[in-house]
C-alpha atoms as a PDB file:
ATOM      1  CA  MET A   1     -96.605 -16.403 -44.218  1.00  0.00           C
ATOM      2  CA  LYS A   2     -97.520 -19.405 -42.062  1.00  0.00           C
ATOM      3  CA  HIS A   3     -98.767 -21.485 -44.981  1.00  0.00           C
ATOM      4  CA  CYS A   4     -95.489 -20.769 -46.830  1.00  0.00           C
ATOM      5  CA  THR A   5     -93.291 -22.174 -44.063  1.00  0.00           C
ATOM      6  CA  PRO A   6     -92.585 -25.920 -44.146  1.00  0.00           C
ATOM      7  CA  PRO A   7     -92.755 -27.959 -40.921  1.00  0.00           C
ATOM      8  CA  GLU A   8     -89.632 -27.793 -38.760  1.00  0.00           C
ATOM      9  CA  ASN A   9     -89.043 -31.525 -39.058  1.00  0.00           C
ATOM     10  CA  ALA A  10     -89.051 -31.264 -42.874  1.00  0.00           C
ATOM     11  CA  VAL A  11     -86.453 -28.488 -42.741  1.00  0.00           C
ATOM     12  CA  ALA A  12     -84.327 -30.427 -40.231  1.00  0.00           C
ATOM     13  CA  ALA A  13     -84.415 -33.525 -42.464  1.00  0.00           C
ATOM     14  CA  ALA A  14     -83.381 -31.439 -45.473  1.00  0.00           C
ATOM     15  CA  GLU A  15     -80.556 -29.785 -43.546  1.00  0.00           C
ATOM     16  CA  LYS A  16     -79.256 -33.214 -42.492  1.00  0.00           C
ATOM     17  CA  ARG A  17     -79.396 -34.367 -46.112  1.00  0.00           C
ATOM     18  CA  LEU A  18     -77.515 -31.297 -47.348  1.00  0.00           C
ATOM     19  CA  ALA A  19     -74.806 -31.590 -44.687  1.00  0.00           C
ATOM     20  CA  ALA A  20     -73.320 -34.513 -46.637  1.00  0.00           C
ATOM     21  CA  TYR A  21     -72.209 -32.272 -49.527  1.00  0.00           C
ATOM     22  CA  ASP A  22     -68.960 -30.353 -50.001  1.00  0.00           C
ATOM     23  CA  TRP A  23     -70.272 -26.802 -50.240  1.00  0.00           C
ATOM     24  CA  LYS A  24     -66.911 -25.211 -50.971  1.00  0.00           C
ATOM     25  CA  THR A  25     -66.529 -27.373 -54.084  1.00  0.00           C
ATOM     26  CA  PHE A  26     -70.151 -26.631 -54.965  1.00  0.00           C
ATOM     27  CA  THR A  27     -69.565 -22.872 -54.701  1.00  0.00           C
ATOM     28  CA  ASP A  28     -66.356 -23.119 -56.734  1.00  0.00           C
ATOM     29  CA  GLU A  29     -68.290 -24.925 -59.477  1.00  0.00           C
ATOM     30  CA  MET A  30     -71.031 -22.294 -59.433  1.00  0.00           C
ATOM     31  CA  ASN A  31     -68.490 -19.475 -59.649  1.00  0.00           C
ATOM     32  CA  SER A  32     -66.540 -21.175 -62.455  1.00  0.00           C
ATOM     33  CA  HIS A  33     -69.380 -22.516 -64.594  1.00  0.00           C
ATOM     34  CA  GLY A  34     -72.673 -21.020 -63.400  1.00  0.00           C
ATOM     35  CA  HIS A  35     -74.002 -24.430 -62.369  1.00  0.00           C
ATOM     36  CA  ALA A  36     -73.218 -27.324 -60.022  1.00  0.00           C
ATOM     37  CA  VAL A  37     -74.690 -30.764 -59.369  1.00  0.00           C
ATOM     38  CA  LEU A  38     -75.745 -32.229 -56.016  1.00  0.00           C
ATOM     39  CA  PRO A  39     -75.648 -35.954 -56.890  1.00  0.00           C
ATOM     40  CA  GLY A  40     -78.354 -38.181 -55.451  1.00  0.00           C
ATOM     41  CA  LEU A  41     -80.174 -35.469 -53.516  1.00  0.00           C
ATOM     42  CA  LEU A  42     -83.367 -37.552 -53.670  1.00  0.00           C
ATOM     43  CA  THR A  43     -83.717 -41.321 -53.568  1.00  0.00           C
ATOM     44  CA  PRO A  44     -85.436 -43.172 -56.435  1.00  0.00           C
ATOM     45  CA  GLU A  45     -88.426 -43.801 -54.166  1.00  0.00           C
ATOM     46  CA  GLU A  46     -88.697 -40.105 -53.322  1.00  0.00           C
ATOM     47  CA  CYS A  47     -88.423 -39.206 -57.005  1.00  0.00           C
ATOM     48  CA  ARG A  48     -91.238 -41.581 -57.936  1.00  0.00           C
ATOM     49  CA  GLY A  49     -93.372 -40.241 -55.093  1.00  0.00           C
ATOM     50  CA  ILE A  50     -93.033 -36.630 -56.257  1.00  0.00           C
ATOM     51  CA  ALA A  51     -93.610 -37.525 -59.915  1.00  0.00           C
ATOM     52  CA  ALA A  52     -96.773 -39.406 -58.914  1.00  0.00           C
ATOM     53  CA  LEU A  53     -98.257 -36.125 -57.661  1.00  0.00           C
ATOM     54  CA  TYR A  54     -98.524 -34.756 -61.196  1.00  0.00           C
ATOM     55  CA  PRO A  55    -102.121 -35.871 -61.960  1.00  0.00           C
ATOM     56  CA  GLN A  56    -103.361 -34.905 -58.482  1.00  0.00           C
ATOM     57  CA  GLU A  57    -104.730 -31.413 -59.077  1.00  0.00           C
ATOM     58  CA  ALA A  58    -105.216 -30.633 -55.383  1.00  0.00           C
ATOM     59  CA  HIS A  59    -101.454 -30.069 -55.036  1.00  0.00           C
ATOM     60  CA  PHE A  60    -101.258 -27.382 -57.741  1.00  0.00           C
ATOM     61  CA  ARG A  61    -102.413 -23.824 -58.379  1.00  0.00           C
ATOM     62  CA  SER A  62    -102.101 -23.794 -62.184  1.00  0.00           C
ATOM     63  CA  HIS A  63    -101.394 -25.988 -65.198  1.00  0.00           C
ATOM     64  CA  ILE A  64     -99.352 -24.693 -68.149  1.00  0.00           C
ATOM     65  CA  LEU A  65     -99.253 -26.240 -71.622  1.00  0.00           C
ATOM     66  CA  MET A  66     -96.042 -24.916 -73.152  1.00  0.00           C
ATOM     67  CA  ALA A  67     -97.200 -24.952 -76.776  1.00  0.00           C
ATOM     68  CA  ARG A  68     -99.994 -22.460 -76.014  1.00  0.00           C
ATOM     69  CA  HIS A  69     -97.454 -19.856 -74.933  1.00  0.00           C
ATOM     70  CA  GLY A  70     -94.624 -20.594 -77.369  1.00  0.00           C
ATOM     71  CA  TYR A  71     -92.478 -22.067 -74.602  1.00  0.00           C
ATOM     72  CA  GLY A  72     -91.877 -25.348 -76.441  1.00  0.00           C
ATOM     73  CA  ARG A  73     -93.788 -28.597 -76.017  1.00  0.00           C
ATOM     74  CA  GLY A  74     -94.588 -30.307 -72.749  1.00  0.00           C
ATOM     75  CA  GLU A  75     -96.406 -29.155 -69.648  1.00  0.00           C
ATOM     76  CA  TYR A  76     -95.925 -28.203 -66.046  1.00  0.00           C
ATOM     77  CA  ARG A  77     -97.878 -27.453 -62.897  1.00  0.00           C
ATOM     78  CA  TYR A  78     -97.096 -24.877 -60.220  1.00  0.00           C
ATOM     79  CA  PHE A  79     -97.492 -26.169 -56.686  1.00  0.00           C
ATOM     80  CA  ARG A  80     -99.820 -24.393 -54.299  1.00  0.00           C
ATOM     81  CA  TYR A  81     -98.972 -23.683 -50.661  1.00  0.00           C
ATOM     82  CA  PRO A  82     -98.317 -25.608 -48.510  1.00  0.00           C
ATOM     83  CA  LEU A  83     -95.673 -27.314 -50.616  1.00  0.00           C
ATOM     84  CA  PRO A  84     -95.010 -31.050 -50.232  1.00  0.00           C
ATOM     85  CA  ASP A  85     -92.822 -31.397 -47.142  1.00  0.00           C
ATOM     86  CA  ILE A  86     -89.772 -32.724 -48.961  1.00  0.00           C
ATOM     87  CA  LEU A  87     -89.748 -29.839 -51.483  1.00  0.00           C
ATOM     88  CA  GLY A  88     -90.630 -27.185 -48.935  1.00  0.00           C
ATOM     89  CA  GLY A  89     -87.905 -28.431 -46.604  1.00  0.00           C
ATOM     90  CA  LEU A  90     -85.307 -28.439 -49.356  1.00  0.00           C
ATOM     91  CA  ARG A  91     -86.341 -24.965 -50.536  1.00  0.00           C
ATOM     92  CA  THR A  92     -85.821 -23.573 -47.039  1.00  0.00           C
ATOM     93  CA  ALA A  93     -82.627 -25.518 -46.313  1.00  0.00           C
ATOM     94  CA  LEU A  94     -80.954 -24.880 -49.686  1.00  0.00           C
ATOM     95  CA  TYR A  95     -81.469 -21.118 -49.601  1.00  0.00           C
ATOM     96  CA  PRO A  96     -78.788 -20.228 -46.977  1.00  0.00           C
ATOM     97  CA  HIS A  97     -76.174 -22.174 -48.971  1.00  0.00           C
ATOM     98  CA  LEU A  98     -76.952 -19.977 -51.979  1.00  0.00           C
ATOM     99  CA  ALA A  99     -77.714 -16.545 -50.509  1.00  0.00           C
ATOM    100  CA  GLY A 100     -74.128 -15.630 -49.589  1.00  0.00           C
ATOM    101  CA  MET A 101     -72.898 -16.560 -53.047  1.00  0.00           C
ATOM    102  CA  ALA A 102     -75.761 -14.607 -54.614  1.00  0.00           C
ATOM    103  CA  ASN A 103     -74.761 -11.523 -52.620  1.00  0.00           C
ATOM    104  CA  GLU A 104     -71.150 -11.890 -53.757  1.00  0.00           C
ATOM    105  CA  TRP A 105     -72.313 -12.167 -57.364  1.00  0.00           C
ATOM    106  CA  ASN A 106     -74.352  -8.983 -57.082  1.00  0.00           C
ATOM    107  CA  GLN A 107     -71.442  -7.150 -55.480  1.00  0.00           C
ATOM    108  CA  CYS A 108     -69.164  -8.219 -58.341  1.00  0.00           C
ATOM    109  CA  MET A 109     -71.720  -7.056 -60.912  1.00  0.00           C
ATOM    110  CA  GLY A 110     -72.432  -3.738 -59.202  1.00  0.00           C
ATOM    111  CA  ILE A 111     -76.019  -4.698 -58.363  1.00  0.00           C
ATOM    112  CA  ALA A 112     -77.356  -3.169 -55.146  1.00  0.00           C
ATOM    113  CA  GLU A 113     -79.801  -5.954 -54.240  1.00  0.00           C
ATOM    114  CA  ARG A 114     -78.767  -8.089 -51.252  1.00  0.00           C
ATOM    115  CA  TYR A 115     -80.538 -11.222 -50.015  1.00  0.00           C
ATOM    116  CA  PRO A 116     -81.309 -11.952 -46.356  1.00  0.00           C
ATOM    117  CA  GLY A 117     -79.841 -14.984 -44.639  1.00  0.00           C
ATOM    118  CA  THR A 118     -83.057 -16.996 -44.316  1.00  0.00           C
ATOM    119  CA  HIS A 119     -85.635 -18.004 -46.880  1.00  0.00           C
ATOM    120  CA  ALA A 120     -88.499 -16.871 -44.637  1.00  0.00           C
ATOM    121  CA  ALA A 121     -87.047 -13.350 -44.586  1.00  0.00           C
ATOM    122  CA  PHE A 122     -86.671 -13.370 -48.366  1.00  0.00           C
ATOM    123  CA  LEU A 123     -90.266 -14.542 -48.855  1.00  0.00           C
ATOM    124  CA  ARG A 124     -91.478 -11.729 -46.600  1.00  0.00           C
ATOM    125  CA  ARG A 125     -89.692  -9.302 -48.897  1.00  0.00           C
ATOM    126  CA  CYS A 126     -91.347 -10.947 -51.933  1.00  0.00           C
ATOM    127  CA  HIS A 127     -94.792 -10.739 -50.362  1.00  0.00           C
ATOM    128  CA  GLU A 128     -94.326  -7.089 -49.401  1.00  0.00           C
ATOM    129  CA  ALA A 129     -93.627  -6.476 -53.109  1.00  0.00           C
ATOM    130  CA  GLY A 130     -96.892  -8.200 -54.080  1.00  0.00           C
ATOM    131  CA  GLN A 131     -95.218 -11.489 -55.096  1.00  0.00           C
ATOM    132  CA  THR A 132     -97.234 -14.047 -53.137  1.00  0.00           C
ATOM    133  CA  ARG A 133     -97.784 -17.022 -55.474  1.00  0.00           C
ATOM    134  CA  PRO A 134     -95.535 -20.085 -55.024  1.00  0.00           C
ATOM    135  CA  THR A 135     -93.199 -20.904 -57.896  1.00  0.00           C
ATOM    136  CA  PRO A 136     -91.907 -24.465 -57.268  1.00  0.00           C
ATOM    137  CA  LEU A 137     -93.182 -26.625 -60.103  1.00  0.00           C
ATOM    138  CA  LEU A 138     -93.389 -30.127 -61.537  1.00  0.00           C
ATOM    139  CA  LEU A 139     -92.643 -30.565 -65.247  1.00  0.00           C
ATOM    140  CA  GLN A 140     -93.681 -33.413 -67.528  1.00  0.00           C
ATOM    141  CA  TYR A 141     -92.302 -34.182 -71.007  1.00  0.00           C
ATOM    142  CA  GLY A 142     -93.366 -36.891 -73.467  1.00  0.00           C
ATOM    143  CA  PRO A 143     -91.929 -37.940 -76.849  1.00  0.00           C
ATOM    144  CA  GLY A 144     -91.163 -34.901 -79.029  1.00  0.00           C
ATOM    145  CA  ASP A 145     -91.467 -32.437 -76.133  1.00  0.00           C
ATOM    146  CA  PHE A 146     -88.851 -29.797 -75.377  1.00  0.00           C
ATOM    147  CA  ASN A 147     -88.427 -26.585 -73.410  1.00  0.00           C
ATOM    148  CA  CYS A 148     -87.167 -23.470 -75.194  1.00  0.00           C
ATOM    149  CA  LEU A 149     -84.285 -21.518 -73.699  1.00  0.00           C
ATOM    150  CA  HIS A 150     -85.666 -19.165 -71.064  1.00  0.00           C
ATOM    151  CA  GLN A 151     -85.192 -17.428 -67.705  1.00  0.00           C
ATOM    152  CA  ASP A 152     -87.573 -17.899 -64.756  1.00  0.00           C
ATOM    153  CA  LEU A 153     -88.213 -14.306 -63.668  1.00  0.00           C
ATOM    154  CA  TYR A 154     -91.623 -13.745 -62.086  1.00  0.00           C
ATOM    155  CA  GLY A 155     -91.454 -10.201 -60.703  1.00  0.00           C
ATOM    156  CA  ASP A 156     -89.134  -7.403 -59.659  1.00  0.00           C
ATOM    157  CA  LEU A 157     -87.605  -9.650 -56.996  1.00  0.00           C
ATOM    158  CA  ALA A 158     -85.927 -12.711 -58.491  1.00  0.00           C
ATOM    159  CA  PHE A 159     -83.407 -14.909 -56.692  1.00  0.00           C
ATOM    160  CA  PRO A 160     -80.469 -15.497 -59.065  1.00  0.00           C
ATOM    161  CA  VAL A 161     -80.134 -19.276 -58.566  1.00  0.00           C
ATOM    162  CA  GLN A 162     -82.650 -22.094 -58.866  1.00  0.00           C
ATOM    163  CA  VAL A 163     -82.502 -25.865 -58.476  1.00  0.00           C
ATOM    164  CA  ALA A 164     -83.936 -28.583 -60.739  1.00  0.00           C
ATOM    165  CA  VAL A 165     -84.172 -32.204 -59.585  1.00  0.00           C
ATOM    166  CA  LEU A 166     -84.455 -34.914 -62.229  1.00  0.00           C
ATOM    167  CA  LEU A 167     -87.120 -37.384 -61.088  1.00  0.00           C
ATOM    168  CA  SER A 168     -86.820 -39.881 -63.975  1.00  0.00           C
ATOM    169  CA  GLU A 169     -83.927 -42.142 -64.981  1.00  0.00           C
ATOM    170  CA  PRO A 170     -82.291 -41.425 -68.370  1.00  0.00           C
ATOM    171  CA  GLY A 171     -82.080 -44.476 -70.603  1.00  0.00           C
ATOM    172  CA  ARG A 172     -84.746 -46.321 -68.638  1.00  0.00           C
ATOM    173  CA  ASP A 173     -87.653 -43.888 -68.319  1.00  0.00           C
ATOM    174  CA  PHE A 174     -86.785 -41.661 -71.284  1.00  0.00           C
ATOM    175  CA  THR A 175     -84.195 -40.900 -73.957  1.00  0.00           C
ATOM    176  CA  GLY A 176     -83.119 -37.467 -75.176  1.00  0.00           C
ATOM    177  CA  GLY A 177     -84.361 -34.632 -72.971  1.00  0.00           C
ATOM    178  CA  GLU A 178     -80.941 -33.297 -71.936  1.00  0.00           C
ATOM    179  CA  PHE A 179     -80.679 -30.232 -69.710  1.00  0.00           C
ATOM    180  CA  VAL A 180     -79.110 -27.363 -71.681  1.00  0.00           C
ATOM    181  CA  LEU A 181     -77.536 -24.124 -70.462  1.00  0.00           C
ATOM    182  CA  THR A 182     -76.372 -21.202 -72.583  1.00  0.00           C
ATOM    183  CA  GLU A 183     -74.094 -18.363 -71.579  1.00  0.00           C
ATOM    184  CA  GLN A 184     -74.293 -15.186 -73.663  1.00  0.00           C
ATOM    185  CA  ARG A 185     -71.045 -13.241 -73.375  1.00  0.00           C
ATOM    186  CA  PRO A 186     -70.576  -9.600 -74.396  1.00  0.00           C
ATOM    187  CA  ARG A 187     -69.329  -9.241 -77.997  1.00  0.00           C
ATOM    188  CA  MET A 188     -68.829 -13.022 -78.232  1.00  0.00           C
ATOM    189  CA  GLN A 189     -70.852 -15.976 -79.436  1.00  0.00           C
ATOM    190  CA  SER A 190     -72.910 -17.875 -76.849  1.00  0.00           C
ATOM    191  CA  ARG A 191     -71.432 -20.854 -75.034  1.00  0.00           C
ATOM    192  CA  VAL A 192     -73.628 -23.976 -74.734  1.00  0.00           C
ATOM    193  CA  GLU A 193     -73.341 -26.700 -72.128  1.00  0.00           C
ATOM    194  CA  VAL A 194     -75.297 -29.949 -71.769  1.00  0.00           C
ATOM    195  CA  VAL A 195     -75.404 -31.198 -68.170  1.00  0.00           C
ATOM    196  CA  PRO A 196     -75.736 -34.988 -67.713  1.00  0.00           C
ATOM    197  CA  LEU A 197     -77.963 -35.959 -64.771  1.00  0.00           C
ATOM    198  CA  ARG A 198     -79.191 -39.186 -63.200  1.00  0.00           C
ATOM    199  CA  GLN A 199     -82.417 -39.785 -61.319  1.00  0.00           C
ATOM    200  CA  GLY A 200     -82.363 -37.866 -58.034  1.00  0.00           C
ATOM    201  CA  ASP A 201     -79.553 -35.501 -59.028  1.00  0.00           C
ATOM    202  CA  ALA A 202     -80.157 -31.820 -58.342  1.00  0.00           C
ATOM    203  CA  LEU A 203     -78.728 -29.123 -60.584  1.00  0.00           C
ATOM    204  CA  ALA A 204     -78.284 -25.599 -59.232  1.00  0.00           C
ATOM    205  CA  PHE A 205     -77.798 -22.949 -61.896  1.00  0.00           C
ATOM    206  CA  ALA A 206     -77.815 -19.215 -62.523  1.00  0.00           C
ATOM    207  CA  VAL A 207     -81.272 -18.039 -63.564  1.00  0.00           C
ATOM    208  CA  HIS A 208     -80.478 -14.749 -65.278  1.00  0.00           C
ATOM    209  CA  ARG A 209     -76.908 -13.451 -65.075  1.00  0.00           C
ATOM    210  CA  ARG A 210     -73.678 -14.124 -63.252  1.00  0.00           C
ATOM    211  CA  PRO A 211     -70.232 -12.523 -62.976  1.00  0.00           C
ATOM    212  CA  VAL A 212     -67.247 -13.835 -64.910  1.00  0.00           C
ATOM    213  CA  ARG A 213     -63.658 -12.679 -64.499  1.00  0.00           C
ATOM    214  CA  GLY A 214     -62.033 -11.545 -67.728  1.00  0.00           C
ATOM    215  CA  ALA A 215     -58.707  -9.985 -68.690  1.00  0.00           C
ATOM    216  CA  ARG A 216     -60.064  -6.530 -67.780  1.00  0.00           C
ATOM    217  CA  GLY A 217     -61.899  -7.486 -64.609  1.00  0.00           C
ATOM    218  CA  MET A 218     -65.406  -8.773 -63.881  1.00  0.00           C
ATOM    219  CA  TYR A 219     -68.187  -8.694 -66.453  1.00  0.00           C
ATOM    220  CA  ARG A 220     -71.737 -10.050 -66.653  1.00  0.00           C
ATOM    221  CA  VAL A 221     -72.925 -12.968 -68.735  1.00  0.00           C
ATOM    222  CA  ASN A 222     -76.567 -13.674 -69.502  1.00  0.00           C
ATOM    223  CA  MET A 223     -77.785 -17.212 -68.755  1.00  0.00           C
ATOM    224  CA  ARG A 224     -80.679 -19.230 -70.206  1.00  0.00           C
ATOM    225  CA  HIS A 225     -81.736 -22.817 -69.728  1.00  0.00           C
ATOM    226  CA  GLY A 226     -83.946 -25.362 -71.459  1.00  0.00           C
ATOM    227  CA  VAL A 227     -84.460 -29.029 -72.271  1.00  0.00           C
ATOM    228  CA  SER A 228     -83.653 -30.711 -75.604  1.00  0.00           C
ATOM    229  CA  ARG A 229     -86.211 -32.806 -77.493  1.00  0.00           C
ATOM    230  CA  LEU A 230     -87.339 -35.979 -75.775  1.00  0.00           C
ATOM    231  CA  ARG A 231     -86.865 -38.994 -78.046  1.00  0.00           C
ATOM    232  CA  SER A 232     -88.964 -41.479 -76.093  1.00  0.00           C
ATOM    233  CA  GLY A 233     -90.577 -42.153 -72.729  1.00  0.00           C
ATOM    234  CA  LEU A 234     -91.695 -39.780 -69.977  1.00  0.00           C
ATOM    235  CA  ARG A 235     -89.514 -37.280 -68.101  1.00  0.00           C
ATOM    236  CA  HIS A 236     -90.442 -35.538 -64.832  1.00  0.00           C
ATOM    237  CA  THR A 237     -88.481 -32.756 -63.135  1.00  0.00           C
ATOM    238  CA  ALA A 238     -89.111 -30.798 -59.943  1.00  0.00           C
ATOM    239  CA  GLY A 239     -88.100 -27.136 -60.082  1.00  0.00           C
ATOM    240  CA  ILE A 240     -87.260 -25.293 -56.847  1.00  0.00           C
ATOM    241  CA  ILE A 241     -87.489 -21.556 -57.446  1.00  0.00           C
ATOM    242  CA  PHE A 242     -86.803 -19.437 -54.395  1.00  0.00           C
ATOM    243  CA  HIS A 243     -88.770 -16.243 -55.138  1.00  0.00           C
ATOM    244  CA  ASP A 244     -92.553 -16.088 -55.294  1.00  0.00           C
ATOM    245  CA  ALA A 245     -94.500 -14.639 -58.228  1.00  0.00           C
ATOM    246  CA  LYS A 246     -97.043 -11.871 -58.756  1.00  0.00           C
END
C-alpha cells in the first residue's frame, strides 16, 4: 500500500485547495443532477504540466487506443503508482468529501455496500479483493475523436463517483469535444446533459447509478458519460477514479 499513498505534503496542499469550495452546494448539485463542477481546481500552469506527461511512458502502466476496443476514437494512458503528487493528493483529499454522499446514495437505493471514511482504507479493501492496478488516467483527443457513452467499472468494488479535470482550454486549444452525461430512467426516455467546462475545471459525476426522488419515493437511474466529436485541436483530460482495477 505504501506506493499507493501520496506524500503527506501533497495531500495537505490538496486539502487546502479544496477548503475553498462550498461543499454543501456541491452535494446539493450532485443529489439534484448527478454531477457538480469545482471551477478552477487546477491552474493553467498545472494543467499544462499534467498534459505534458502524456508522451512520457515512464509515468504510465498501459496505453489504450479506443478504436481497437470499440470505445470511440482517441486514446488514453493509465498512470502507474506512484501517481503524480498533484493527482495523488487530490485523489486522497477528494474522497472524504464524496464517501458520505456515496453511502447515503447506497442507503437510498437499498444497496448494502458502505465506503470507509478514508481513501487509504478503501484502497485496502480494493486490494484485498484483488483490485490492485491504479485507475487514474490521462486522455488525449485529436480532430474527429470522441468517446462513446460508458461507465468506468473495473471490478466488483467500484466507487460511485469519479472526477474529470479538463486540462485544455475550449475555443483556444480545441473546438467540439463537449462532456456528455446521460441518465436512463425507468420506463422513460434517457435524459442528456452537456456540461460546459473551462481549463482547470473539475467535474464530479455519478459513474453508474444514483438515486432520484419520484412521486412514489426513491428510484435508481443509470448513468453514462462520454465526449462528443472533437472538431479541431487537441484536448487533454485527467480522470480521477477512486477504486483500483483487477
